[in-house]
């Protein structure tokens, strides 16, 4: 992994250096566009496609030089991730093929996921298989990302355990190769790319003769790694489904002996079932009998529909679901504790056989009949065999992250886009209390669907947030806590009253939604029109006191307006910054207000409103000196500005109060120090008197002692 990351970083660094060089030499945006296109022409394959998509070259002329750098940097990171991901895919493929290269002195690799010859990349790589030291890419010199990569022994140690990077080209029909401990001759190609692993249950047709003369010609089903035929397991794990191969094995396990002790088997891999050791200790084995569709697996909050049949070793059925299956939430558990864990490893439609040891079932206590779950009596220390099918599941999403708004998907939507912030949506729903009391219907029984814009606070917060995650055609059940619904107030609706503090449930379907165009899809004129509309919407929200939403409207002007209408764009940008600063003053976010006003002053250094609002923010932040500077500058520009004179008076009052507090504080500090000094002098005087008294006492004792001797 460190080497892969280093290669990705090197690629990203080269891209960034080129981007910076382009920006440095940009005299006009048109010239910048031409230069950047040249940079892209040097990239090939996935890197070029990712960069073109992210940068949107057709609109790059509308971006300023610094915006170009930011976009390129973001693209660079994406390319780095793509390179690492593709390399990891390649290495996993190499691991599956690792046995084919052993014993080959020189091989040519087919690098997967790194481009093709039509894009200027040669897919070949030459290296020495044993103790590989040099790895050379056969690419044209002008299109080389790295002419030479040196692999040391230290690099080899960086690989994951059991993983190697060397491999060989696909084996040809009729070709024989020496692998570890055996030879393999390909007689018929298989299909697909998957191969079985150890512990998987394989079905093979095997023809061969053992050393004792016994002839084999039969179909066999066994678990790989159990030593059915010594050495043959290692050959089968290199085969694909339907493949036929001739394996030559040492009869006594010693590959160094002469050829007379070898045996041969012609093997056809008919099929195999994947076996998963769920807890990695043999306690729960899952054999996949039929693969499911897709790659999505249920999580602990999801509602699943499963069918199962539980039998003992002697064939006694102890539990079985109805014909339609049983539905439950994974987090609630079912049957026995490990069943939810097993279900979370399955995909939709997957069928499997489980072998559950007693410690993961009912242990040494067993289970009595009944218990409300339909189970028959289960003896102590019983091994359970379970046939299970995950029919379907309904994903449950924690929308807000604090477990107060949940969305259970009843019907999946279309496409990949959701009705996120600012989308105009059309929905139908039935709204009800937890006890099923319906209080509102829209788009149901001849009522009109509801239309609103997401993230505009036009509906309750929980519904707004959940709808923003929905796709077109999706149907979901949304459960909303009072904090995201109607709170602790009573809400009156046509069909019923929602009591204070009530949880509410919406059975909702997304009929349609229309997303706004992304900024990079707009030209300069359209951007100005959109920004002007957002500003007007923000003004309306500001007047009604909705400062949070108003600030969002003003912030939506992203500053990427082009050069064509610079004057209009500049005026609009300054106006949005000033209005957003006013919102932040109302929201007590003074640091953000100062930042926005400073941005305005960078563009218009004599803007009175920016100076005035920044002075207000400085005053509230108790930064009186900077506030005084801004106020004086405003009065120089507009001596008759009454609003500024009002805050100047306020500033003087606050400054006087602050000075009095400081004077009192310093006075107390000096008084305390004076008192401390006086007390210290008194203590020294007392200690001195005590010392003198002690000396006198000792002298008197000495005189008494001397007189006694005399």
Foldseek 3Di string as FASTA:
>chain_A
DVVLLVLLVLVLVVLLVQLVVLLVPDPALVSSLVSVVVSLLLDFDPLSVLLCVQCVSVLSSLFHSVVSSVSSNVSSVVSSVLSSVLVVVQQVLCLLQVQQCPPPQKAWDQRPPPHDVVRQADRTWIFGSPQTFWIAGPTPPSNDPDGTDTDHPVNQVPDDPSTDNDHHPDDDAQDWGDGVQKIKHWPFAADDRAFADAQWWFWKAKFWAAPVGDTGGGIDIDGQPPCPDPPVSVVRRSHHAQTWMKMKHQRVSDSPDDSVRIIIMIMTTHDIWHWDPLVPPNQKIKTWPDAADDDDFADQAKKFFKWKWKAFPVGHTFDTAPPRGDIDGNVVDAQFRCVSSVRRNGDAFIKIKMWHWQVRHVAQVWDDQCPPRRGHTGHHRIIMIMIMTGNDMWHWDPQPPPNFKIKTWPDAADDDAALAAFKWFWKWKFKAFPVRQTQDTDPPPPHHTDIDTAPPPPAFQSVSSVRRGGHAFIWIKMKGWLVRHVAQDWAHGDRGIDHGRTIMIMGMTTHDIGDDDDPSVDALVVLLVQLVVLQVVLVVCVVVPNLVSSLVSLPVSPPSHGDPPVVSNLVSNLVSLLSNLVSCVVVVVLVSSLVSLVVSCVVVVLDLSSLQSNLVSCVSVVVLVSSVVSLVSSCVVPVPPVVSVVVVVVSVVVVVVVVVVVVVVVVVVVVVVVVVVVVVVVVVVVVVVVVVVVVVVVVVVVVVVVVVVD
